[in-house]
Amino acid sequence: MTASRPRRRRLAVGGAALGVALLTASCAGASSQKATSPRVKNVTLVKSGKIVVCTNVPYEPFSFTRNGKVVGFDIALMDKVAARLGVRQEIVDIDFDPIRSGAALNSGTCDVAAAGITITEERRKNVAFSNPYFDEALTLMSPRGKPVATLEQARRGKLRVGVLTGTTSMKAAVDAGIEPQEYKDSGKQLTALRSRSVDVIVQDLPVVTSWLRKPELAGEFTAGQSIATGAHYGFVAKKKGSEHLLEVINEVIAAAKKDGSYARLHQQWLGVPPEQSTTS
């Protein structure tokens, strides 16, 4: 998810107390110790025995809470990275700005960020990306009684459009001549639609698909046309000094695609095989 304006992207704290607590603990750990991976040489981690992962909750199906535990497609792939390194994964839920700027990574708040983050040249100025692991597509979500298929339809109808701050969804709306209403996390965005504070929202296709599998939402809302952006998601690490960690992440992505575990995780968390991820 990209942005072209000074205000950036999504990923708000999905539980302020928890986010602050984890952030404080992570920073304390970073200042007091550095650790190497027990299985892979030259990989330095923030905490001994852990790979600390910054993400956003909720962002189903990539990262969200189920039965008190953060799970999802991105989290499952990061578990594979943790296993390769011989450590455990620790989740830190923070706002996106310190991820986008590289501050969270440079300060040692986390080793890597995993949150459906679109690879862009603008972001490469501040952070380093893994190889792509997911093709991005967007869509609209609107009430069944007043469906909105395209951004052009929303523009012509002068509809109130809700987006996440700094995302590709926001850029798509702005590029279509729309002045959208911005939200810092997907939960607030969905709430705005349900309360009719906005007429339609623009969001990643897998997120909308995941929402519309819920009976209480499927009966009330519908998806618009799929918008293929040609962009891709990547995992994020600090710009300097993360080369060896990114090598491991890239190896894990490639191995998962080769051995079929990527496809199984994709089916598990997104409900469709990889080849349908931009069309379902």
C-alpha atoms as a PDB file:
ATOM      1  CA  MET A   1       0.000   0.000   0.000  1.00  0.00           C
ATOM      2  CA  THR A   2       1.625   3.158  -1.162  1.00  0.00           C
ATOM      3  CA  ALA A   3       1.331   6.855  -0.465  1.00  0.00           C
ATOM      4  CA  SER A   4       2.295  10.065  -2.196  1.00  0.00           C
ATOM      5  CA  ARG A   5       1.335  12.581   0.450  1.00  0.00           C
ATOM      6  CA  PRO A   6       3.120  13.606   3.672  1.00  0.00           C
ATOM      7  CA  ARG A   7       0.692  11.760   5.877  1.00  0.00           C
ATOM      8  CA  ARG A   8       1.425   8.079   5.678  1.00  0.00           C
ATOM      9  CA  ARG A   9      -0.239   4.710   5.683  1.00  0.00           C
ATOM     10  CA  ARG A  10      -2.191   2.684   8.154  1.00  0.00           C
ATOM     11  CA  LEU A  11      -1.276   0.453  11.072  1.00  0.00           C
ATOM     12  CA  ALA A  12      -2.659   2.147  14.176  1.00  0.00           C
ATOM     13  CA  VAL A  13      -2.369   0.632  17.609  1.00  0.00           C
ATOM     14  CA  GLY A  14      -5.040  -2.016  17.872  1.00  0.00           C
ATOM     15  CA  GLY A  15      -5.124  -1.899  21.640  1.00  0.00           C
ATOM     16  CA  ALA A  16      -3.311   1.118  23.029  1.00  0.00           C
ATOM     17  CA  ALA A  17      -2.293  -0.347  26.360  1.00  0.00           C
ATOM     18  CA  LEU A  18      -0.994  -3.531  24.801  1.00  0.00           C
ATOM     19  CA  GLY A  19       0.818  -1.652  22.042  1.00  0.00           C
ATOM     20  CA  VAL A  20       2.518   0.715  24.483  1.00  0.00           C
ATOM     21  CA  ALA A  21       3.489  -2.131  26.783  1.00  0.00           C
ATOM     22  CA  LEU A  22       4.994  -4.177  24.004  1.00  0.00           C
ATOM     23  CA  LEU A  23       6.712  -1.152  22.528  1.00  0.00           C
ATOM     24  CA  THR A  24       8.256  -0.281  25.885  1.00  0.00           C
ATOM     25  CA  ALA A  25       9.367  -3.838  26.502  1.00  0.00           C
ATOM     26  CA  SER A  26      10.819  -4.141  23.046  1.00  0.00           C
ATOM     27  CA  CYS A  27      12.777  -0.887  23.296  1.00  0.00           C
ATOM     28  CA  ALA A  28      14.095  -1.902  26.699  1.00  0.00           C
ATOM     29  CA  GLY A  29      15.236  -5.207  25.280  1.00  0.00           C
ATOM     30  CA  ALA A  30      16.896  -3.501  22.347  1.00  0.00           C
ATOM     31  CA  SER A  31      18.914  -1.164  24.554  1.00  0.00           C
ATOM     32  CA  SER A  32      20.171  -3.871  26.870  1.00  0.00           C
ATOM     33  CA  GLN A  33      21.079  -6.699  24.529  1.00  0.00           C
ATOM     34  CA  LYS A  34      21.786  -7.863  21.031  1.00  0.00           C
ATOM     35  CA  ALA A  35      21.612 -11.484  20.027  1.00  0.00           C
ATOM     36  CA  THR A  36      22.581 -13.631  17.106  1.00  0.00           C
ATOM     37  CA  SER A  37      20.501 -16.370  15.563  1.00  0.00           C
ATOM     38  CA  PRO A  38      21.413 -19.781  16.988  1.00  0.00           C
ATOM     39  CA  ARG A  39      21.104 -21.409  13.555  1.00  0.00           C
ATOM     40  CA  VAL A  40      22.152 -18.775  11.018  1.00  0.00           C
ATOM     41  CA  LYS A  41      25.459 -16.929  11.236  1.00  0.00           C
ATOM     42  CA  ASN A  42      25.651 -13.153  10.844  1.00  0.00           C
ATOM     43  CA  VAL A  43      21.964 -12.564  11.657  1.00  0.00           C
ATOM     44  CA  THR A  44      21.674 -10.159  14.582  1.00  0.00           C
ATOM     45  CA  LEU A  45      18.353  -9.928  16.403  1.00  0.00           C
ATOM     46  CA  VAL A  46      16.895  -7.475  18.893  1.00  0.00           C
ATOM     47  CA  LYS A  47      16.284 -10.075  21.597  1.00  0.00           C
ATOM     48  CA  SER A  48      17.889 -13.359  22.518  1.00  0.00           C
ATOM     49  CA  GLY A  49      15.834 -16.330  21.355  1.00  0.00           C
ATOM     50  CA  LYS A  50      13.283 -14.175  19.503  1.00  0.00           C
ATOM     51  CA  ILE A  51      12.578 -12.434  16.239  1.00  0.00           C
ATOM     52  CA  VAL A  52      10.518  -9.354  17.083  1.00  0.00           C
ATOM     53  CA  VAL A  53       7.896  -8.578  14.419  1.00  0.00           C
ATOM     54  CA  CYS A  54       6.049  -5.265  14.114  1.00  0.00           C
ATOM     55  CA  THR A  55       2.529  -5.603  12.716  1.00  0.00           C
ATOM     56  CA  ASN A  56      -0.968  -4.122  12.897  1.00  0.00           C
ATOM     57  CA  VAL A  57      -3.976  -5.725  14.528  1.00  0.00           C
ATOM     58  CA  PRO A  58      -6.563  -6.058  13.140  1.00  0.00           C
ATOM     59  CA  TYR A  59      -5.710  -6.564   9.493  1.00  0.00           C
ATOM     60  CA  GLU A  60      -7.426  -9.840   8.707  1.00  0.00           C
ATOM     61  CA  PRO A  61      -6.385 -12.121   7.075  1.00  0.00           C
ATOM     62  CA  PHE A  62      -2.752 -10.991   7.364  1.00  0.00           C
ATOM     63  CA  SER A  63      -2.609 -10.247  11.085  1.00  0.00           C
ATOM     64  CA  PHE A  64      -5.475 -10.308  13.566  1.00  0.00           C
ATOM     65  CA  THR A  65      -6.422 -11.650  16.982  1.00  0.00           C
ATOM     66  CA  ARG A  66      -8.122 -14.988  17.423  1.00  0.00           C
ATOM     67  CA  ASN A  67      -8.728 -16.447  20.881  1.00  0.00           C
ATOM     68  CA  GLY A  68      -6.330 -13.946  22.386  1.00  0.00           C
ATOM     69  CA  LYS A  69      -3.490 -14.777  19.995  1.00  0.00           C
ATOM     70  CA  VAL A  70      -2.229 -12.823  16.988  1.00  0.00           C
ATOM     71  CA  VAL A  71      -2.516 -15.011  13.890  1.00  0.00           C
ATOM     72  CA  GLY A  72      -2.789 -14.648  10.127  1.00  0.00           C
ATOM     73  CA  PHE A  73      -1.037 -15.248   6.834  1.00  0.00           C
ATOM     74  CA  ASP A  74       1.858 -12.869   7.494  1.00  0.00           C
ATOM     75  CA  ILE A  75       2.274 -14.186  11.023  1.00  0.00           C
ATOM     76  CA  ALA A  76       2.360 -17.778   9.754  1.00  0.00           C
ATOM     77  CA  LEU A  77       5.103 -16.917   7.260  1.00  0.00           C
ATOM     78  CA  MET A  78       7.053 -15.152   9.996  1.00  0.00           C
ATOM     79  CA  ASP A  79       6.730 -18.303  12.114  1.00  0.00           C
ATOM     80  CA  LYS A  80       8.565 -20.095   9.325  1.00  0.00           C
ATOM     81  CA  VAL A  81      11.308 -17.460   9.428  1.00  0.00           C
ATOM     82  CA  ALA A  82      11.537 -17.850  13.199  1.00  0.00           C
ATOM     83  CA  ALA A  83      11.868 -21.626  12.834  1.00  0.00           C
ATOM     84  CA  ARG A  84      14.634 -21.193  10.252  1.00  0.00           C
ATOM     85  CA  LEU A  85      16.504 -18.932  12.676  1.00  0.00           C
ATOM     86  CA  GLY A  86      15.891 -21.241  15.627  1.00  0.00           C
ATOM     87  CA  VAL A  87      13.994 -18.627  17.637  1.00  0.00           C
ATOM     88  CA  ARG A  88      10.422 -17.692  18.604  1.00  0.00           C
ATOM     89  CA  GLN A  89       8.327 -14.901  17.135  1.00  0.00           C
ATOM     90  CA  GLU A  90       7.281 -11.961  19.322  1.00  0.00           C
ATOM     91  CA  ILE A  91       4.604  -9.572  18.046  1.00  0.00           C
ATOM     92  CA  VAL A  92       4.680  -5.792  18.533  1.00  0.00           C
ATOM     93  CA  ASP A  93       1.536  -3.901  17.483  1.00  0.00           C
ATOM     94  CA  ILE A  94       2.361  -0.272  16.614  1.00  0.00           C
ATOM     95  CA  ASP A  95       1.324   2.596  14.360  1.00  0.00           C
ATOM     96  CA  PHE A  96       2.698   2.474  10.825  1.00  0.00           C
ATOM     97  CA  ASP A  97       4.578   5.782  10.800  1.00  0.00           C
ATOM     98  CA  PRO A  98       7.623   4.473  12.730  1.00  0.00           C
ATOM     99  CA  ILE A  99       7.675   1.473  10.388  1.00  0.00           C
ATOM    100  CA  ARG A 100       7.453   3.565   7.230  1.00  0.00           C
ATOM    101  CA  SER A 101      10.113   5.964   8.424  1.00  0.00           C
ATOM    102  CA  GLY A 102      12.379   3.134   9.543  1.00  0.00           C
ATOM    103  CA  ALA A 103      12.422   4.467  13.100  1.00  0.00           C
ATOM    104  CA  ALA A 104      10.953   1.323  14.685  1.00  0.00           C
ATOM    105  CA  LEU A 105      13.538  -0.832  12.948  1.00  0.00           C
ATOM    106  CA  ASN A 106      16.504   1.474  13.449  1.00  0.00           C
ATOM    107  CA  SER A 107      15.746   1.905  17.162  1.00  0.00           C
ATOM    108  CA  GLY A 108      15.515  -1.842  17.734  1.00  0.00           C
ATOM    109  CA  THR A 109      11.793  -1.901  18.449  1.00  0.00           C
ATOM    110  CA  CYS A 110      11.586  -4.833  16.048  1.00  0.00           C
ATOM    111  CA  ASP A 111      13.683  -6.884  13.656  1.00  0.00           C
ATOM    112  CA  VAL A 112      11.147  -6.990  10.841  1.00  0.00           C
ATOM    113  CA  ALA A 113       7.689  -5.653   9.962  1.00  0.00           C
ATOM    114  CA  ALA A 114       4.988  -7.890   8.496  1.00  0.00           C
ATOM    115  CA  ALA A 115       1.675  -6.232   7.766  1.00  0.00           C
ATOM    116  CA  GLY A 116       0.628  -6.420   4.120  1.00  0.00           C
ATOM    117  CA  ILE A 117       3.161  -3.696   3.299  1.00  0.00           C
ATOM    118  CA  THR A 118       3.376  -2.704  -0.338  1.00  0.00           C
ATOM    119  CA  ILE A 119       6.832  -2.392  -1.850  1.00  0.00           C
ATOM    120  CA  THR A 120       7.370   1.129  -3.210  1.00  0.00           C
ATOM    121  CA  GLU A 121      10.423   3.087  -4.301  1.00  0.00           C
ATOM    122  CA  GLU A 122       9.464   5.850  -1.903  1.00  0.00           C
ATOM    123  CA  ARG A 123       9.569   3.457   1.034  1.00  0.00           C
ATOM    124  CA  ARG A 124      12.865   1.981  -0.106  1.00  0.00           C
ATOM    125  CA  LYS A 125      14.437   5.300   0.856  1.00  0.00           C
ATOM    126  CA  ASN A 126      13.832   4.455   4.518  1.00  0.00           C
ATOM    127  CA  VAL A 127      13.612   0.657   4.794  1.00  0.00           C
ATOM    128  CA  ALA A 128      14.728  -2.521   3.071  1.00  0.00           C
ATOM    129  CA  PHE A 129      12.234  -4.990   1.595  1.00  0.00           C
ATOM    130  CA  SER A 130      12.274  -8.730   1.190  1.00  0.00           C
ATOM    131  CA  ASN A 131      11.427 -10.278  -2.147  1.00  0.00           C
ATOM    132  CA  PRO A 132       7.706  -9.964  -2.992  1.00  0.00           C
ATOM    133  CA  TYR A 133       5.487 -12.579  -1.388  1.00  0.00           C
ATOM    134  CA  PHE A 134       1.976 -11.400  -2.347  1.00  0.00           C
ATOM    135  CA  ASP A 135       0.354  -9.590  -5.289  1.00  0.00           C
ATOM    136  CA  GLU A 136      -1.680  -6.569  -4.291  1.00  0.00           C
ATOM    137  CA  ALA A 137      -5.246  -5.914  -5.416  1.00  0.00           C
ATOM    138  CA  LEU A 138      -7.813  -3.466  -4.099  1.00  0.00           C
ATOM    139  CA  THR A 139     -11.586  -3.294  -4.107  1.00  0.00           C
ATOM    140  CA  LEU A 140     -14.498  -1.241  -2.814  1.00  0.00           C
ATOM    141  CA  MET A 141     -16.959  -2.269  -0.128  1.00  0.00           C
ATOM    142  CA  SER A 142     -20.400  -0.695   0.090  1.00  0.00           C
ATOM    143  CA  PRO A 143     -23.937  -1.434   1.359  1.00  0.00           C
ATOM    144  CA  ARG A 144     -25.831  -4.036  -0.669  1.00  0.00           C
ATOM    145  CA  GLY A 145     -28.694  -1.617  -1.120  1.00  0.00           C
ATOM    146  CA  LYS A 146     -26.390   1.025  -2.600  1.00  0.00           C
ATOM    147  CA  PRO A 147     -23.557  -0.895  -4.291  1.00  0.00           C
ATOM    148  CA  VAL A 148     -20.550   0.983  -5.657  1.00  0.00           C
ATOM    149  CA  ALA A 149     -18.547  -0.886  -8.268  1.00  0.00           C
ATOM    150  CA  THR A 150     -15.780   1.586  -9.136  1.00  0.00           C
ATOM    151  CA  LEU A 151     -13.990   4.673  -7.884  1.00  0.00           C
ATOM    152  CA  GLU A 152     -15.292   6.549 -10.899  1.00  0.00           C
ATOM    153  CA  GLN A 153     -18.837   5.764  -9.799  1.00  0.00           C
ATOM    154  CA  ALA A 154     -17.994   7.018  -6.308  1.00  0.00           C
ATOM    155  CA  ARG A 155     -16.497  10.214  -7.744  1.00  0.00           C
ATOM    156  CA  ARG A 156     -19.446  10.905 -10.033  1.00  0.00           C
ATOM    157  CA  GLY A 157     -21.881  10.320  -7.203  1.00  0.00           C
ATOM    158  CA  LYS A 158     -19.875  12.562  -4.862  1.00  0.00           C
ATOM    159  CA  LEU A 159     -19.887   9.742  -2.331  1.00  0.00           C
ATOM    160  CA  ARG A 160     -18.033   9.800   0.966  1.00  0.00           C
ATOM    161  CA  VAL A 161     -15.099   7.418   0.560  1.00  0.00           C
ATOM    162  CA  GLY A 162     -13.189   5.985   3.517  1.00  0.00           C
ATOM    163  CA  VAL A 163      -9.551   4.915   3.210  1.00  0.00           C
ATOM    164  CA  LEU A 164      -6.631   4.061   5.453  1.00  0.00           C
ATOM    165  CA  THR A 165      -4.136   6.884   5.777  1.00  0.00           C
ATOM    166  CA  GLY A 166      -1.142   6.635   3.475  1.00  0.00           C
ATOM    167  CA  THR A 167      -2.127   3.431   1.693  1.00  0.00           C
ATOM    168  CA  THR A 168      -2.424   2.485  -1.953  1.00  0.00           C
ATOM    169  CA  SER A 169      -6.176   2.613  -1.386  1.00  0.00           C
ATOM    170  CA  MET A 170      -5.844   6.240  -0.405  1.00  0.00           C
ATOM    171  CA  LYS A 171      -3.650   6.996  -3.415  1.00  0.00           C
ATOM    172  CA  ALA A 172      -6.118   5.256  -5.739  1.00  0.00           C
ATOM    173  CA  ALA A 173      -8.965   7.375  -4.396  1.00  0.00           C
ATOM    174  CA  VAL A 174      -6.983  10.610  -4.672  1.00  0.00           C
ATOM    175  CA  ASP A 175      -5.825   9.716  -8.195  1.00  0.00           C
ATOM    176  CA  ALA A 176      -9.484   9.213  -9.120  1.00  0.00           C
ATOM    177  CA  GLY A 177     -10.256  12.780  -8.082  1.00  0.00           C
ATOM    178  CA  ILE A 178     -11.741  11.902  -4.691  1.00  0.00           C
ATOM    179  CA  GLU A 179     -11.011  13.654  -1.399  1.00  0.00           C
ATOM    180  CA  PRO A 180     -11.356  10.649   0.940  1.00  0.00           C
ATOM    181  CA  GLN A 181     -11.947  10.447   4.654  1.00  0.00           C
ATOM    182  CA  GLU A 182      -8.921   8.903   6.336  1.00  0.00           C
ATOM    183  CA  TYR A 183      -8.717   6.303   9.097  1.00  0.00           C
ATOM    184  CA  LYS A 184      -5.654   4.961  10.875  1.00  0.00           C
ATOM    185  CA  ASP A 185      -6.748   1.338  11.127  1.00  0.00           C
ATOM    186  CA  SER A 186      -9.076  -1.009   9.329  1.00  0.00           C
ATOM    187  CA  GLY A 187     -11.298  -1.502  12.361  1.00  0.00           C
ATOM    188  CA  LYS A 188     -12.194   2.201  12.447  1.00  0.00           C
ATOM    189  CA  GLN A 189     -12.619   2.199   8.671  1.00  0.00           C
ATOM    190  CA  LEU A 190     -15.106  -0.682   8.813  1.00  0.00           C
ATOM    191  CA  THR A 191     -16.942   0.917  11.722  1.00  0.00           C
ATOM    192  CA  ALA A 192     -17.317   4.104   9.688  1.00  0.00           C
ATOM    193  CA  LEU A 193     -18.936   2.142   6.870  1.00  0.00           C
ATOM    194  CA  ARG A 194     -21.233   0.229   9.189  1.00  0.00           C
ATOM    195  CA  SER A 195     -22.338   3.439  10.914  1.00  0.00           C
ATOM    196  CA  ARG A 196     -22.812   5.100   7.490  1.00  0.00           C
ATOM    197  CA  SER A 197     -20.242   7.784   8.299  1.00  0.00           C
ATOM    198  CA  VAL A 198     -18.965   6.991   4.798  1.00  0.00           C
ATOM    199  CA  ASP A 199     -20.775   5.582   1.775  1.00  0.00           C
ATOM    200  CA  VAL A 200     -18.030   3.270   0.570  1.00  0.00           C
ATOM    201  CA  ILE A 201     -14.540   2.211   1.581  1.00  0.00           C
ATOM    202  CA  VAL A 202     -11.486   1.221  -0.451  1.00  0.00           C
ATOM    203  CA  GLN A 203      -9.425  -1.621   0.967  1.00  0.00           C
ATOM    204  CA  ASP A 204      -7.175  -4.518   0.014  1.00  0.00           C
ATOM    205  CA  LEU A 205      -9.177  -7.218  -1.738  1.00  0.00           C
ATOM    206  CA  PRO A 206      -8.223 -10.034   0.675  1.00  0.00           C
ATOM    207  CA  VAL A 207      -9.316  -7.909   3.638  1.00  0.00           C
ATOM    208  CA  VAL A 208     -12.726  -7.211   2.094  1.00  0.00           C
ATOM    209  CA  THR A 209     -13.070 -10.855   1.083  1.00  0.00           C
ATOM    210  CA  SER A 210     -12.305 -11.880   4.657  1.00  0.00           C
ATOM    211  CA  TRP A 211     -14.866  -9.436   6.046  1.00  0.00           C
ATOM    212  CA  LEU A 212     -17.556 -10.595   3.633  1.00  0.00           C
ATOM    213  CA  ARG A 213     -17.178 -14.180   4.827  1.00  0.00           C
ATOM    214  CA  LYS A 214     -18.661 -13.060   8.123  1.00  0.00           C
ATOM    215  CA  PRO A 215     -22.457 -13.585   8.049  1.00  0.00           C
ATOM    216  CA  GLU A 216     -23.217 -10.286   9.761  1.00  0.00           C
ATOM    217  CA  LEU A 217     -21.287  -8.398   7.069  1.00  0.00           C
ATOM    218  CA  ALA A 218     -22.066 -10.543   4.028  1.00  0.00           C
ATOM    219  CA  GLY A 219     -25.780  -9.852   4.382  1.00  0.00           C
ATOM    220  CA  GLU A 220     -25.256  -6.116   4.659  1.00  0.00           C
ATOM    221  CA  PHE A 221     -22.371  -5.278   2.305  1.00  0.00           C
ATOM    222  CA  THR A 222     -20.927  -6.200  -1.066  1.00  0.00           C
ATOM    223  CA  ALA A 223     -17.615  -5.835  -2.897  1.00  0.00           C
ATOM    224  CA  GLY A 224     -16.988  -3.759  -5.996  1.00  0.00           C
ATOM    225  CA  GLN A 225     -14.685  -4.496  -8.896  1.00  0.00           C
ATOM    226  CA  SER A 226     -11.180  -5.790  -8.261  1.00  0.00           C
ATOM    227  CA  ILE A 227      -8.466  -3.179  -8.823  1.00  0.00           C
ATOM    228  CA  ALA A 228      -5.136  -4.756  -9.768  1.00  0.00           C
ATOM    229  CA  THR A 229      -2.335  -2.329  -8.885  1.00  0.00           C
ATOM    230  CA  GLY A 230       0.610  -4.336 -10.220  1.00  0.00           C
ATOM    231  CA  ALA A 231       2.291  -3.852  -6.845  1.00  0.00           C
ATOM    232  CA  HIS A 232       3.443  -6.479  -4.336  1.00  0.00           C
ATOM    233  CA  TYR A 233       3.765  -6.947  -0.590  1.00  0.00           C
ATOM    234  CA  GLY A 234       7.128  -7.426   1.059  1.00  0.00           C
ATOM    235  CA  PHE A 235       8.452  -7.871   4.580  1.00  0.00           C
ATOM    236  CA  VAL A 236      10.391  -4.886   5.910  1.00  0.00           C
ATOM    237  CA  ALA A 237      13.717  -4.627   7.742  1.00  0.00           C
ATOM    238  CA  LYS A 238      16.043  -1.758   8.537  1.00  0.00           C
ATOM    239  CA  LYS A 239      17.774  -0.262   5.525  1.00  0.00           C
ATOM    240  CA  LYS A 240      21.325  -0.936   6.706  1.00  0.00           C
ATOM    241  CA  GLY A 241      22.562  -4.052   8.440  1.00  0.00           C
ATOM    242  CA  SER A 242      19.639  -6.363   7.650  1.00  0.00           C
ATOM    243  CA  GLU A 243      21.103  -8.028   4.563  1.00  0.00           C
ATOM    244  CA  HIS A 244      21.606 -11.429   6.187  1.00  0.00           C
ATOM    245  CA  LEU A 245      18.160 -11.419   7.803  1.00  0.00           C
ATOM    246  CA  LEU A 246      16.546 -10.558   4.475  1.00  0.00           C
ATOM    247  CA  GLU A 247      18.475 -13.389   2.821  1.00  0.00           C
ATOM    248  CA  VAL A 248      16.913 -15.806   5.303  1.00  0.00           C
ATOM    249  CA  ILE A 249      13.431 -14.341   4.756  1.00  0.00           C
ATOM    250  CA  ASN A 250      13.831 -14.614   0.992  1.00  0.00           C
ATOM    251  CA  GLU A 251      15.017 -18.222   1.337  1.00  0.00           C
ATOM    252  CA  VAL A 252      11.976 -19.046   3.476  1.00  0.00           C
ATOM    253  CA  ILE A 253       9.573 -17.446   0.967  1.00  0.00           C
ATOM    254  CA  ALA A 254      11.157 -19.352  -1.923  1.00  0.00           C
ATOM    255  CA  ALA A 255      11.200 -22.657  -0.022  1.00  0.00           C
ATOM    256  CA  ALA A 256       7.567 -22.282   1.072  1.00  0.00           C
ATOM    257  CA  LYS A 257       6.470 -21.699  -2.504  1.00  0.00           C
ATOM    258  CA  LYS A 258       8.486 -24.679  -3.690  1.00  0.00           C
ATOM    259  CA  ASP A 259       7.391 -27.197  -1.046  1.00  0.00           C
ATOM    260  CA  GLY A 260       3.702 -26.243  -1.193  1.00  0.00           C
ATOM    261  CA  SER A 261       3.457 -24.815   2.324  1.00  0.00           C
ATOM    262  CA  TYR A 262       2.915 -21.293   0.964  1.00  0.00           C
ATOM    263  CA  ALA A 263      -0.115 -22.515  -1.000  1.00  0.00           C
ATOM    264  CA  ARG A 264      -1.457 -24.346   2.058  1.00  0.00           C
ATOM    265  CA  LEU A 265      -1.108 -21.267   4.248  1.00  0.00           C
ATOM    266  CA  HIS A 266      -2.693 -19.138   1.538  1.00  0.00           C
ATOM    267  CA  GLN A 267      -5.680 -21.480   1.379  1.00  0.00           C
ATOM    268  CA  GLN A 268      -5.889 -21.590   5.180  1.00  0.00           C
ATOM    269  CA  TRP A 269      -5.846 -17.855   5.804  1.00  0.00           C
ATOM    270  CA  LEU A 270      -7.279 -16.379   2.618  1.00  0.00           C
ATOM    271  CA  GLY A 271      -9.681 -19.191   1.781  1.00  0.00           C
ATOM    272  CA  VAL A 272      -8.511 -19.468  -1.839  1.00  0.00           C
ATOM    273  CA  PRO A 273      -5.427 -20.801  -3.644  1.00  0.00           C
ATOM    274  CA  PRO A 274      -2.694 -18.270  -4.544  1.00  0.00           C
ATOM    275  CA  GLU A 275      -3.793 -17.987  -8.169  1.00  0.00           C
ATOM    276  CA  GLN A 276      -7.146 -16.583  -7.040  1.00  0.00           C
ATOM    277  CA  SER A 277      -5.859 -14.018  -4.555  1.00  0.00           C
ATOM    278  CA  THR A 278      -6.380 -11.017  -6.855  1.00  0.00           C
ATOM    279  CA  THR A 279      -9.727 -12.104  -8.287  1.00  0.00           C
ATOM    280  CA  SER A 280     -11.773 -13.534  -5.420  1.00  0.00           C
END
